[in-house]
Structures are given as C-alpha cells and as structure tokens.
C-alpha cells in the first residue's frame, strides 16, 4: 500500500491510499481511519468517478444523510457529468504514486 495525499472532507483530513488489489472493488471508504482506498491502474475517468463516490460515502455518513448505495451511485454519475461538462479538471486529485 502507498499513501498518496490528504483530502479534506467536511473539515477532516482523509488519507488517499492506492492499493494494488481491492478484491473486486474500485474503491473503499474507511470511516474509522479516515481513509479512502483506490485501486491502482484504472482509467482516469473511472478513478475520478470512484473517488467522487467514496467522498459521497464519507459525506453521507458524516452528515447522517442515510442515502442508500444506489442513490450515492446516481449522485456520483451526476456530479461527474456536471464537472466534466464544466471543464473542471479533477485529475490532480487522482495522481498515482510516482507521478
């Protein structure tokens, strides 16, 4: 495992961790350790969307929104499409180790 950077979500510092094999998942959120794990080696757009999804999972829990997983997936794809249409470059969030 390799730590890449810190992200701030609702005033808390979350570690972004790159993992070679998440056993079928592209990402995972650990609320107790305040870390988001992303699997290495996926295309840029898929990794950005996964990071958005995991950030939404963190926000959902922190704000006690009680959103189900399907709703979070729909929000992820909506936000991703919105950011992309606006030309907002989210690539700096997902630079892998060594870049």
N, C-alpha and C. Protein backbone atom coordinates (compact mmCIF):
# COMPACT_ATOMS: atom_id res chain seq x y z
N UNK A 1 0.83 -1.17 0.00
CA UNK A 1 0.00 0.00 0.00
C UNK A 1 0.88 1.24 0.00
N UNK A 2 0.39 2.30 -0.65
CA UNK A 2 1.17 3.51 -0.77
C UNK A 2 0.28 4.72 -0.51
N UNK A 3 0.67 5.57 0.42
CA UNK A 3 -0.12 6.77 0.70
C UNK A 3 0.24 7.85 -0.30
N UNK A 4 -0.75 8.46 -0.87
CA UNK A 4 -0.52 9.47 -1.91
C UNK A 4 -0.68 10.88 -1.37
N UNK A 5 -1.79 11.16 -0.73
CA UNK A 5 -2.07 12.54 -0.34
C UNK A 5 -3.17 12.58 0.71
N UNK A 6 -3.47 13.77 1.13
CA UNK A 6 -4.55 14.01 2.07
C UNK A 6 -5.66 14.77 1.34
N UNK A 7 -6.88 14.46 1.68
CA UNK A 7 -8.04 15.18 1.18
C UNK A 7 -8.81 15.71 2.38
N UNK A 8 -9.42 16.87 2.24
CA UNK A 8 -10.24 17.39 3.31
C UNK A 8 -11.70 17.19 2.95
N UNK A 9 -12.43 16.54 3.84
CA UNK A 9 -13.86 16.32 3.66
C UNK A 9 -14.55 16.78 4.93
N UNK A 10 -15.34 17.83 4.80
CA UNK A 10 -16.08 18.40 5.93
C UNK A 10 -15.18 18.69 7.12
N UNK A 11 -14.03 19.27 6.85
CA UNK A 11 -13.12 19.69 7.90
C UNK A 11 -12.23 18.61 8.47
N UNK A 12 -12.34 17.39 7.96
CA UNK A 12 -11.50 16.29 8.45
C UNK A 12 -10.51 15.90 7.37
N UNK A 13 -9.30 15.54 7.79
CA UNK A 13 -8.25 15.11 6.86
C UNK A 13 -8.37 13.61 6.61
N UNK A 14 -8.58 13.26 5.35
CA UNK A 14 -8.69 11.87 4.93
C UNK A 14 -7.44 11.52 4.13
N UNK A 15 -6.89 10.36 4.37
CA UNK A 15 -5.77 9.87 3.57
C UNK A 15 -6.31 9.19 2.33
N UNK A 16 -5.68 9.47 1.21
CA UNK A 16 -5.99 8.78 -0.04
C UNK A 16 -4.91 7.73 -0.24
N UNK A 17 -5.33 6.47 -0.25
CA UNK A 17 -4.41 5.34 -0.31
C UNK A 17 -4.62 4.59 -1.62
N UNK A 18 -3.53 4.26 -2.29
CA UNK A 18 -3.58 3.48 -3.53
C UNK A 18 -3.25 2.03 -3.21
N UNK A 19 -4.11 1.13 -3.63
CA UNK A 19 -3.99 -0.29 -3.30
C UNK A 19 -3.97 -1.10 -4.60
N UNK A 20 -3.08 -2.09 -4.70
CA UNK A 20 -2.99 -2.87 -5.93
C UNK A 20 -4.17 -3.81 -6.17
N UNK A 21 -4.88 -4.23 -5.12
CA UNK A 21 -5.98 -5.17 -5.33
C UNK A 21 -7.01 -5.00 -4.22
N UNK A 22 -8.18 -4.47 -4.59
CA UNK A 22 -9.26 -4.30 -3.61
C UNK A 22 -10.30 -5.41 -3.71
N UNK A 23 -9.93 -6.51 -4.34
CA UNK A 23 -10.80 -7.70 -4.43
C UNK A 23 -12.17 -7.38 -5.01
N UNK A 24 -12.18 -6.85 -6.23
CA UNK A 24 -13.44 -6.61 -6.91
C UNK A 24 -14.04 -5.22 -6.72
N UNK A 25 -13.45 -4.42 -5.86
CA UNK A 25 -13.93 -3.05 -5.67
C UNK A 25 -12.92 -2.09 -6.29
N UNK A 26 -13.41 -0.97 -6.78
CA UNK A 26 -12.50 0.07 -7.28
C UNK A 26 -12.11 1.04 -6.18
N UNK A 27 -12.93 1.10 -5.13
CA UNK A 27 -12.65 1.99 -4.03
C UNK A 27 -13.31 1.51 -2.75
N UNK A 28 -12.82 2.07 -1.65
CA UNK A 28 -13.36 1.70 -0.34
C UNK A 28 -13.14 2.88 0.61
N UNK A 29 -14.11 3.12 1.47
CA UNK A 29 -14.03 4.19 2.46
C UNK A 29 -13.93 3.58 3.85
N UNK A 30 -12.93 3.99 4.61
CA UNK A 30 -12.77 3.55 5.98
C UNK A 30 -13.02 4.76 6.88
N UNK A 31 -14.22 4.81 7.45
CA UNK A 31 -14.63 5.97 8.25
C UNK A 31 -13.87 6.06 9.57
N UNK A 32 -13.50 4.91 10.13
CA UNK A 32 -12.78 4.91 11.41
C UNK A 32 -11.37 5.46 11.26
N UNK A 33 -10.69 5.09 10.18
CA UNK A 33 -9.31 5.54 9.95
C UNK A 33 -9.24 6.79 9.08
N UNK A 34 -10.38 7.30 8.65
CA UNK A 34 -10.45 8.47 7.76
C UNK A 34 -9.55 8.28 6.54
N UNK A 35 -9.85 7.22 5.80
CA UNK A 35 -9.08 6.99 4.59
C UNK A 35 -9.95 6.44 3.48
N UNK A 36 -9.57 6.84 2.28
CA UNK A 36 -10.21 6.35 1.06
C UNK A 36 -9.15 5.56 0.32
N UNK A 37 -9.49 4.32 -0.02
CA UNK A 37 -8.58 3.47 -0.78
C UNK A 37 -9.09 3.39 -2.21
N UNK A 38 -8.17 3.53 -3.16
CA UNK A 38 -8.48 3.40 -4.58
C UNK A 38 -7.57 2.33 -5.18
N UNK A 39 -8.14 1.54 -6.07
CA UNK A 39 -7.34 0.52 -6.73
C UNK A 39 -6.49 1.16 -7.82
N UNK A 40 -5.24 0.75 -7.88
CA UNK A 40 -4.30 1.23 -8.90
C UNK A 40 -4.67 0.72 -10.29
N UNK A 41 -4.34 1.52 -11.30
CA UNK A 41 -4.33 1.03 -12.66
C UNK A 41 -5.60 1.17 -13.47
N UNK A 42 -6.62 1.83 -12.97
CA UNK A 42 -7.83 2.00 -13.75
C UNK A 42 -7.76 3.29 -14.56
N UNK A 43 -8.57 3.40 -15.63
CA UNK A 43 -8.58 4.62 -16.43
C UNK A 43 -8.94 5.85 -15.58
N UNK A 44 -8.41 6.97 -16.00
CA UNK A 44 -8.57 8.23 -15.27
C UNK A 44 -10.02 8.54 -14.92
N UNK A 45 -10.90 8.52 -15.91
CA UNK A 45 -12.30 8.87 -15.65
C UNK A 45 -12.94 7.93 -14.64
N UNK A 46 -12.66 6.64 -14.72
CA UNK A 46 -13.23 5.68 -13.78
C UNK A 46 -12.70 5.93 -12.36
N UNK A 47 -11.43 6.27 -12.25
CA UNK A 47 -10.84 6.53 -10.94
C UNK A 47 -11.39 7.81 -10.33
N UNK A 48 -11.57 8.85 -11.15
CA UNK A 48 -12.16 10.09 -10.65
C UNK A 48 -13.58 9.84 -10.17
N UNK A 49 -14.36 9.12 -10.96
CA UNK A 49 -15.74 8.80 -10.56
C UNK A 49 -15.75 7.99 -9.27
N UNK A 50 -14.82 7.07 -9.12
CA UNK A 50 -14.72 6.27 -7.90
C UNK A 50 -14.39 7.15 -6.71
N UNK A 51 -13.47 8.08 -6.87
CA UNK A 51 -13.14 8.99 -5.78
C UNK A 51 -14.36 9.83 -5.40
N UNK A 52 -15.10 10.32 -6.39
CA UNK A 52 -16.32 11.08 -6.08
C UNK A 52 -17.29 10.21 -5.29
N UNK A 53 -17.43 8.97 -5.70
CA UNK A 53 -18.32 8.04 -5.00
C UNK A 53 -17.90 7.87 -3.54
N UNK A 54 -16.62 7.63 -3.32
CA UNK A 54 -16.13 7.41 -1.96
C UNK A 54 -16.25 8.68 -1.11
N UNK A 55 -16.02 9.84 -1.72
CA UNK A 55 -16.21 11.10 -0.99
C UNK A 55 -17.68 11.27 -0.61
N UNK A 56 -18.58 10.92 -1.52
CA UNK A 56 -20.01 10.98 -1.19
C UNK A 56 -20.37 10.01 -0.07
N UNK A 57 -19.74 8.84 -0.05
CA UNK A 57 -19.95 7.90 1.06
C UNK A 57 -19.53 8.54 2.39
N UNK A 58 -18.39 9.22 2.38
CA UNK A 58 -17.91 9.89 3.60
C UNK A 58 -18.87 11.00 4.02
N UNK A 59 -19.30 11.82 3.08
CA UNK A 59 -20.23 12.91 3.37
C UNK A 59 -21.56 12.36 3.88
N UNK A 60 -22.04 11.31 3.25
CA UNK A 60 -23.28 10.67 3.66
C UNK A 60 -23.24 10.26 5.13
N UNK A 61 -22.14 9.65 5.52
CA UNK A 61 -22.04 9.20 6.92
C UNK A 61 -21.83 10.37 7.87
N UNK A 62 -20.95 11.30 7.50
CA UNK A 62 -20.65 12.43 8.39
C UNK A 62 -21.89 13.29 8.65
N UNK A 63 -22.72 13.48 7.62
CA UNK A 63 -23.91 14.33 7.77
C UNK A 63 -25.17 13.54 8.11
N UNK A 64 -25.01 12.23 8.32
CA UNK A 64 -26.11 11.34 8.66
C UNK A 64 -27.28 11.55 7.69
N UNK A 65 -26.96 11.46 6.40
CA UNK A 65 -27.97 11.65 5.36
C UNK A 65 -28.80 10.39 5.11
N UNK A 66 -28.26 9.25 5.47
CA UNK A 66 -28.94 7.97 5.28
C UNK A 66 -29.29 7.68 3.82
N UNK A 67 -28.39 8.08 2.92
CA UNK A 67 -28.59 7.77 1.50
C UNK A 67 -28.22 6.32 1.26
N UNK A 68 -29.01 5.64 0.43
CA UNK A 68 -28.65 4.26 0.11
C UNK A 68 -27.59 4.25 -0.99
N UNK A 69 -27.00 3.08 -1.20
CA UNK A 69 -25.89 2.95 -2.15
C UNK A 69 -26.30 3.33 -3.57
N UNK A 70 -27.50 2.97 -3.98
CA UNK A 70 -27.99 3.30 -5.32
C UNK A 70 -28.06 4.82 -5.51
N UNK A 71 -28.54 5.53 -4.50
CA UNK A 71 -28.62 6.99 -4.58
C UNK A 71 -27.23 7.60 -4.67
N UNK A 72 -26.29 7.08 -3.91
CA UNK A 72 -24.91 7.58 -3.96
C UNK A 72 -24.32 7.34 -5.35
N UNK A 73 -24.60 6.18 -5.94
CA UNK A 73 -24.10 5.91 -7.30
C UNK A 73 -24.68 6.89 -8.32
N UNK A 74 -25.97 7.21 -8.18
CA UNK A 74 -26.59 8.18 -9.10
C UNK A 74 -26.03 9.58 -8.89
N UNK A 75 -25.81 9.97 -7.65
CA UNK A 75 -25.19 11.27 -7.38
C UNK A 75 -23.77 11.33 -7.95
N UNK A 76 -23.02 10.26 -7.78
CA UNK A 76 -21.66 10.19 -8.33
C UNK A 76 -21.67 10.44 -9.83
N UNK A 77 -22.53 9.73 -10.56
CA UNK A 77 -22.52 9.90 -12.01
C UNK A 77 -23.03 11.28 -12.42
N UNK A 78 -23.97 11.83 -11.66
CA UNK A 78 -24.46 13.18 -11.95
C UNK A 78 -23.41 14.25 -11.71
N UNK A 79 -22.71 14.17 -10.57
CA UNK A 79 -21.65 15.13 -10.28
C UNK A 79 -20.50 14.99 -11.27
N UNK A 80 -20.14 13.75 -11.60
CA UNK A 80 -19.06 13.53 -12.56
C UNK A 80 -19.41 14.17 -13.90
N UNK A 81 -20.62 13.95 -14.39
CA UNK A 81 -21.06 14.54 -15.66
C UNK A 81 -21.06 16.07 -15.57
N UNK A 82 -21.51 16.61 -14.45
CA UNK A 82 -21.54 18.06 -14.26
C UNK A 82 -20.13 18.65 -14.31
N UNK A 83 -19.21 18.09 -13.54
CA UNK A 83 -17.83 18.59 -13.52
C UNK A 83 -17.20 18.50 -14.90
N UNK A 84 -17.41 17.38 -15.58
CA UNK A 84 -16.82 17.18 -16.91
C UNK A 84 -17.39 18.20 -17.91
N UNK A 85 -18.70 18.43 -17.87
CA UNK A 85 -19.33 19.39 -18.79
C UNK A 85 -18.85 20.83 -18.55
N UNK A 86 -18.46 21.12 -17.31
CA UNK A 86 -17.97 22.47 -16.98
C UNK A 86 -16.49 22.63 -17.28
N UNK A 87 -15.84 21.54 -17.67
CA UNK A 87 -14.41 21.59 -17.93
C UNK A 87 -13.56 21.64 -16.67
N UNK A 88 -14.12 21.19 -15.55
CA UNK A 88 -13.40 21.18 -14.29
C UNK A 88 -12.46 19.98 -14.27
N UNK A 89 -11.19 20.24 -14.10
CA UNK A 89 -10.17 19.20 -14.15
C UNK A 89 -9.97 18.61 -12.75
N UNK A 90 -10.43 17.38 -12.57
CA UNK A 90 -10.28 16.71 -11.28
C UNK A 90 -9.09 15.76 -11.27
N UNK A 91 -8.34 15.72 -12.35
CA UNK A 91 -7.19 14.81 -12.42
C UNK A 91 -6.16 15.01 -11.31
N UNK A 92 -5.91 16.23 -10.85
CA UNK A 92 -4.93 16.37 -9.76
C UNK A 92 -5.30 15.59 -8.49
N UNK A 93 -6.57 15.27 -8.32
CA UNK A 93 -6.98 14.51 -7.15
C UNK A 93 -6.53 13.05 -7.20
N UNK A 94 -6.26 12.54 -8.39
CA UNK A 94 -6.01 11.11 -8.52
C UNK A 94 -4.62 10.77 -9.06
N UNK A 95 -3.69 11.67 -8.91
CA UNK A 95 -2.33 11.32 -9.35
C UNK A 95 -1.83 10.15 -8.53
N UNK A 96 -1.41 9.12 -9.23
CA UNK A 96 -0.92 7.91 -8.55
C UNK A 96 0.51 8.10 -8.10
N UNK A 97 0.97 7.29 -7.17
CA UNK A 97 2.35 7.39 -6.69
C UNK A 97 3.34 7.37 -7.84
N UNK A 98 4.34 8.21 -7.73
CA UNK A 98 5.39 8.26 -8.75
C UNK A 98 5.13 9.25 -9.85
N UNK A 99 3.97 9.87 -9.85
CA UNK A 99 3.67 10.86 -10.90
C UNK A 99 4.15 12.23 -10.49
